[in-house]
Amino acid sequence: MADGSAFVQAFTILFREGLEALLIIAALVAFLRRAGASERIAPVYAGAGLAALASLAMAWVFETYFDGNHNDLMEASVMLAAAALMFYMSGWLFVRQDPKAWQADLNRLAERALGAGTILSLAGIAFLAVFREGAETVLFLHALAKSGNGFDGSLFGGLAVAALALAAMFVAMQWLALRLPLRPMFVITSAFLFVMGLKLVGEAFQEFQEQTLIPVHDGGVPGFVTEIGFNGTWEAIGTQGALVAIALACLAAYLTRNRGAGTRPQAAPQGKPARATS
């Protein structure tokens, strides 16, 4: 029974902690594939790999100097940094959703649009997505091993099955992304990153609330808010609502500007005078 319990707990820890990070990385990789920039996927994987190493180092620091307790303020800071990058990339993807602009000369445009700054942002998102969960995952697994039979076959079996499940989800997302039209792929990825950014803001608020740096008022908050994994306090909801309002205002300004540019009269071809209108 203990072996079975260790298997289930190890599976749950890795799958739960790894799922969010994997979905973010899978979305970024799928976007790069659909944008014709597969050669630029390496920095995303590199960011995730560096985060895994940094997570091991941070877990050692927590275990050695903090008795295995993670630092809420540091975790909240990582979450806010990740949210800021996700909001930035969400907007970047949305304004580049026009398939004509990409398909006219996909390789040239991908080279120009996916410059060093954008690639660094993608790698940064991958790093922070993995890092914010990685150290905690290592500590959870360490605690599970200490409370049971150590890192035995049952625990490693749970980790292996969880890794296979996550890998299957990653492959499925890539398969689906390659079959989606370009515009929906950009819009879906943009929306996903924006929602994940909102979720991270709520989680950062929860860390601050646990340190009593932000008050907690949750009276009257609908139960489904916490059921879907969001912070169920008015402080977090108010901030997230303000971010949504800002995003909608930016969207309205973007659409208005594009509509104006689309209706602007075109200049007459060079060498031919424009026809007078009565």
Protein backbone atom coordinates (compact mmCIF):
# COMPACT_ATOMS: atom_id res chain seq x y z
CA MET A 1 0.00 0.00 0.00
CA ALA A 2 2.85 2.34 0.83
CA ASP A 3 4.42 1.67 -2.56
CA GLY A 4 1.15 2.41 -4.29
CA SER A 5 0.76 5.60 -2.29
CA ALA A 6 4.27 6.74 -3.21
CA PHE A 7 3.56 6.01 -6.89
CA VAL A 8 0.35 8.05 -6.88
CA GLN A 9 1.84 10.92 -4.92
CA ALA A 10 4.96 11.10 -7.11
CA PHE A 11 2.78 11.06 -10.23
CA THR A 12 0.50 13.78 -8.84
CA ILE A 13 3.37 16.04 -7.77
CA LEU A 14 5.18 15.98 -11.11
CA PHE A 15 2.04 16.07 -13.26
CA ARG A 16 0.38 18.88 -11.29
CA GLU A 17 3.48 21.04 -10.97
CA GLY A 18 4.69 20.34 -14.50
CA LEU A 19 1.40 20.73 -16.36
CA GLU A 20 1.20 24.51 -16.36
CA ALA A 21 4.83 24.94 -17.38
CA LEU A 22 4.50 22.32 -20.10
CA LEU A 23 1.38 23.95 -21.56
CA ILE A 24 3.17 27.30 -21.75
CA ILE A 25 6.27 25.84 -23.38
CA ALA A 26 4.18 23.74 -25.78
CA ALA A 27 2.22 26.83 -26.82
CA LEU A 28 5.43 28.79 -27.50
CA VAL A 29 7.00 25.93 -29.49
CA ALA A 30 3.81 25.42 -31.49
CA PHE A 31 3.70 29.14 -32.30
CA LEU A 32 7.30 29.10 -33.56
CA ARG A 33 6.61 26.06 -35.73
CA ARG A 34 3.54 27.66 -37.28
CA ALA A 35 5.42 30.93 -37.80
CA GLY A 36 8.02 29.08 -39.88
CA ALA A 37 10.75 29.64 -37.31
CA SER A 38 11.48 26.12 -36.09
CA GLU A 39 15.19 26.91 -35.94
CA ARG A 40 14.43 29.41 -33.16
CA ILE A 41 12.86 26.86 -30.82
CA ALA A 42 16.24 26.01 -29.25
CA PRO A 43 16.31 29.12 -26.96
CA VAL A 44 12.90 28.14 -25.54
CA TYR A 45 14.18 24.66 -24.67
CA ALA A 46 17.41 26.20 -23.37
CA GLY A 47 15.42 28.50 -21.07
CA ALA A 48 13.47 25.53 -19.73
CA GLY A 49 16.64 23.48 -19.25
CA LEU A 50 18.43 26.29 -17.40
CA ALA A 51 15.36 26.67 -15.20
CA ALA A 52 15.48 22.97 -14.31
CA LEU A 53 19.11 23.37 -13.20
CA ALA A 54 18.31 26.59 -11.33
CA SER A 55 15.40 24.80 -9.64
CA LEU A 56 17.73 22.10 -8.33
CA ALA A 57 20.11 24.77 -7.03
CA MET A 58 17.28 26.72 -5.41
CA ALA A 59 15.85 23.56 -3.84
CA TRP A 60 19.29 22.90 -2.31
CA VAL A 61 19.37 26.46 -0.92
CA PHE A 62 15.88 26.06 0.55
CA GLU A 63 16.76 22.68 2.06
CA THR A 64 20.10 23.86 3.47
CA TYR A 65 19.27 27.34 4.74
CA PHE A 66 15.46 27.48 5.08
CA ASP A 67 14.65 23.96 6.34
CA GLY A 68 12.88 23.15 3.11
CA ASN A 69 10.54 26.16 3.25
CA HIS A 70 10.32 28.20 0.06
CA ASN A 71 10.39 31.99 0.15
CA ASP A 72 6.93 33.41 -0.63
CA LEU A 73 8.22 36.85 -1.60
CA MET A 74 10.74 35.46 -4.07
CA GLU A 75 8.11 33.16 -5.56
CA ALA A 76 5.68 36.06 -5.93
CA SER A 77 8.38 38.13 -7.67
CA VAL A 78 9.05 35.32 -10.14
CA MET A 79 5.32 35.02 -10.83
CA LEU A 80 4.94 38.75 -11.50
CA ALA A 81 7.96 38.76 -13.81
CA ALA A 82 6.54 35.78 -15.71
CA ALA A 83 3.12 37.47 -15.93
CA ALA A 84 4.67 40.65 -17.34
CA LEU A 85 6.48 38.66 -20.05
CA MET A 86 3.30 36.75 -20.87
CA PHE A 87 1.28 39.95 -21.25
CA TYR A 88 3.96 41.35 -23.54
CA MET A 89 4.08 38.25 -25.73
CA SER A 90 0.28 38.02 -25.76
CA GLY A 91 0.06 41.49 -27.28
CA TRP A 92 2.97 40.80 -29.65
CA LEU A 93 1.25 37.71 -30.99
CA PHE A 94 -2.12 39.39 -31.36
CA VAL A 95 -0.88 42.27 -33.50
CA ARG A 96 0.95 39.82 -35.78
CA GLN A 97 -1.98 37.51 -36.41
CA ASP A 98 -2.59 38.63 -40.03
CA PRO A 99 -1.78 35.53 -42.12
CA LYS A 100 -1.18 37.59 -45.28
CA ALA A 101 1.61 39.49 -43.58
CA TRP A 102 3.29 36.24 -42.57
CA GLN A 103 2.62 34.12 -45.65
CA ALA A 104 3.73 36.74 -48.19
CA ASP A 105 7.33 35.86 -47.47
CA LEU A 106 7.27 33.77 -44.33
CA ASN A 107 10.97 33.14 -43.85
CA ARG A 108 11.99 36.76 -44.37
CA LEU A 109 9.26 38.09 -42.11
CA ALA A 110 9.98 35.52 -39.42
CA GLU A 111 13.64 36.54 -39.48
CA ARG A 112 12.72 40.20 -39.08
CA ALA A 113 9.82 39.88 -36.63
CA LEU A 114 11.35 37.19 -34.44
CA GLY A 115 14.37 39.27 -33.54
CA ALA A 116 16.75 38.80 -30.64
CA GLY A 117 14.50 40.67 -28.20
CA THR A 118 11.48 38.52 -28.99
CA ILE A 119 13.46 35.29 -28.77
CA LEU A 120 14.88 36.35 -25.41
CA SER A 121 11.33 37.07 -24.21
CA LEU A 122 10.20 33.60 -25.29
CA ALA A 123 13.20 32.00 -23.58
CA GLY A 124 12.51 34.09 -20.48
CA ILE A 125 8.91 32.92 -20.33
CA ALA A 126 10.05 29.29 -20.61
CA PHE A 127 12.66 29.83 -17.88
CA LEU A 128 10.24 31.47 -15.45
CA ALA A 129 7.44 28.99 -16.19
CA VAL A 130 9.68 26.08 -15.21
CA PHE A 131 11.62 27.83 -12.46
CA ARG A 132 8.56 28.96 -10.50
CA GLU A 133 7.46 25.33 -10.09
CA GLY A 134 10.75 23.47 -10.28
CA ALA A 135 12.26 24.08 -6.86
CA GLU A 136 8.93 23.39 -5.18
CA THR A 137 8.61 20.11 -7.11
CA VAL A 138 12.06 18.98 -5.99
CA LEU A 139 11.26 19.82 -2.36
CA PHE A 140 7.92 17.98 -2.51
CA LEU A 141 9.60 14.89 -3.95
CA HIS A 142 12.37 15.08 -1.37
CA ALA A 143 9.80 15.27 1.44
CA LEU A 144 7.89 12.34 -0.07
CA ALA A 145 11.06 10.26 -0.25
CA LYS A 146 12.02 11.07 3.36
CA SER A 147 8.56 10.18 4.67
CA GLY A 148 8.51 6.88 2.78
CA ASN A 149 11.06 4.39 1.50
CA GLY A 150 13.33 6.93 -0.16
CA PHE A 151 13.70 7.23 -3.91
CA ASP A 152 12.57 3.69 -4.57
CA GLY A 153 11.10 2.02 -7.64
CA SER A 154 7.55 3.05 -6.77
CA LEU A 155 8.43 6.73 -6.55
CA PHE A 156 10.48 6.65 -9.76
CA GLY A 157 7.64 4.73 -11.44
CA GLY A 158 5.20 7.52 -10.59
CA LEU A 159 7.62 10.10 -11.96
CA ALA A 160 8.13 8.10 -15.16
CA VAL A 161 4.40 7.75 -15.82
CA ALA A 162 3.84 11.46 -15.13
CA ALA A 163 6.68 12.35 -17.52
CA LEU A 164 5.14 10.13 -20.21
CA ALA A 165 1.72 11.74 -19.69
CA LEU A 166 3.22 15.22 -19.99
CA ALA A 167 5.17 14.22 -23.10
CA ALA A 168 2.01 12.82 -24.71
CA MET A 169 0.22 16.11 -24.04
CA PHE A 170 3.13 18.03 -25.57
CA VAL A 171 3.08 15.91 -28.74
CA ALA A 172 -0.70 16.23 -29.02
CA MET A 173 -0.49 20.01 -28.80
CA GLN A 174 2.15 20.14 -31.54
CA TRP A 175 0.07 17.86 -33.76
CA LEU A 176 -3.00 20.03 -33.29
CA ALA A 177 -1.09 23.28 -33.81
CA LEU A 178 0.28 22.15 -37.18
CA ARG A 179 -3.28 21.59 -38.38
CA LEU A 180 -4.73 24.89 -37.22
CA PRO A 181 -4.91 27.84 -39.62
CA LEU A 182 -2.32 30.50 -38.89
CA ARG A 183 -4.59 33.25 -37.58
CA PRO A 184 -6.44 31.05 -35.01
CA MET A 185 -3.06 29.67 -33.88
CA PHE A 186 -1.77 33.17 -33.14
CA VAL A 187 -5.02 34.31 -31.47
CA ILE A 188 -5.34 31.15 -29.34
CA THR A 189 -1.71 31.38 -28.19
CA SER A 190 -2.13 35.09 -27.44
CA ALA A 191 -5.30 34.46 -25.40
CA PHE A 192 -3.71 31.53 -23.57
CA LEU A 193 -0.67 33.57 -22.51
CA PHE A 194 -2.91 36.44 -21.38
CA VAL A 195 -5.08 34.15 -19.23
CA MET A 196 -1.99 32.49 -17.77
CA GLY A 197 -0.58 35.93 -16.99
CA LEU A 198 -3.79 36.82 -15.12
CA LYS A 199 -3.60 33.55 -13.20
CA LEU A 200 0.01 34.25 -12.19
CA VAL A 201 -0.94 37.72 -10.94
CA GLY A 202 -3.57 36.08 -8.72
CA GLU A 203 -1.06 33.52 -7.45
CA ALA A 204 1.46 36.29 -6.69
CA PHE A 205 -1.24 38.12 -4.72
CA GLN A 206 -1.88 34.93 -2.76
CA GLU A 207 1.80 34.76 -1.79
CA PHE A 208 1.69 38.41 -0.64
CA GLN A 209 -1.54 37.73 1.25
CA GLU A 210 0.06 34.80 3.05
CA GLN A 211 2.71 37.27 4.24
CA THR A 212 -0.07 39.71 5.28
CA LEU A 213 1.31 42.32 2.88
CA ILE A 214 -2.04 42.51 1.06
CA PRO A 215 -5.41 42.23 2.83
CA VAL A 216 -7.83 39.39 2.15
CA HIS A 217 -11.49 40.03 1.33
CA ASP A 218 -13.31 37.07 -0.18
CA GLY A 219 -16.90 37.60 0.92
CA GLY A 220 -19.32 37.21 -1.96
CA VAL A 221 -16.73 35.88 -4.44
CA PRO A 222 -18.38 33.18 -6.61
CA GLY A 223 -17.16 29.70 -5.76
CA PHE A 224 -16.24 28.83 -9.35
CA VAL A 225 -13.39 31.38 -9.23
CA THR A 226 -11.34 29.22 -6.87
CA GLU A 227 -12.61 26.02 -8.48
CA ILE A 228 -10.94 26.97 -11.79
CA GLY A 229 -7.68 27.74 -9.98
CA PHE A 230 -7.85 31.53 -9.65
CA ASN A 231 -7.33 33.61 -6.52
CA GLY A 232 -10.79 34.04 -4.98
CA THR A 233 -10.24 37.40 -3.27
CA TRP A 234 -11.51 40.80 -4.35
CA GLU A 235 -7.98 42.22 -4.24
CA ALA A 236 -6.80 39.81 -6.93
CA ILE A 237 -10.03 39.96 -8.92
CA GLY A 238 -9.97 43.77 -8.92
CA THR A 239 -6.39 43.86 -10.19
CA GLN A 240 -7.11 41.24 -12.83
CA GLY A 241 -10.22 43.18 -13.88
CA ALA A 242 -8.15 46.34 -14.26
CA LEU A 243 -5.65 44.44 -16.44
CA VAL A 244 -8.49 43.10 -18.59
CA ALA A 245 -9.89 46.63 -18.96
CA ILE A 246 -6.48 47.94 -20.04
CA ALA A 247 -6.15 45.09 -22.54
CA LEU A 248 -9.62 45.79 -23.96
CA ALA A 249 -8.81 49.50 -24.29
CA CYS A 250 -5.60 48.65 -26.15
CA LEU A 251 -7.54 46.22 -28.35
CA ALA A 252 -10.13 48.88 -29.18
CA ALA A 253 -7.39 51.40 -30.04
CA TYR A 254 -5.63 48.82 -32.21
CA LEU A 255 -8.81 47.92 -34.11
CA THR A 256 -9.75 51.58 -34.57
CA ARG A 257 -6.32 52.43 -35.93
CA ASN A 258 -6.34 49.46 -38.31
CA ARG A 259 -9.84 50.32 -39.51
CA GLY A 260 -8.72 53.88 -40.17
CA ALA A 261 -5.65 52.69 -42.05
CA GLY A 262 -7.79 50.35 -44.14
CA THR A 263 -10.18 53.10 -45.25
CA ARG A 264 -7.47 55.69 -45.95
CA PRO A 265 -7.39 56.59 -49.67
CA GLN A 266 -4.40 55.17 -51.51
CA ALA A 267 -1.91 57.50 -53.20
CA ALA A 268 -1.96 57.65 -56.99
CA PRO A 269 0.68 55.51 -58.76
CA GLN A 270 3.96 57.32 -59.43
CA GLY A 271 3.98 59.10 -62.78
CA LYS A 272 0.19 59.18 -63.07
CA PRO A 273 -1.69 62.16 -61.64
CA ALA A 274 -4.59 61.45 -59.40
CA ARG A 275 -7.97 61.87 -61.06
CA ALA A 276 -9.89 64.90 -59.94
CA THR A 277 -13.24 64.24 -58.37
CA SER A 278 -16.14 66.60 -58.62
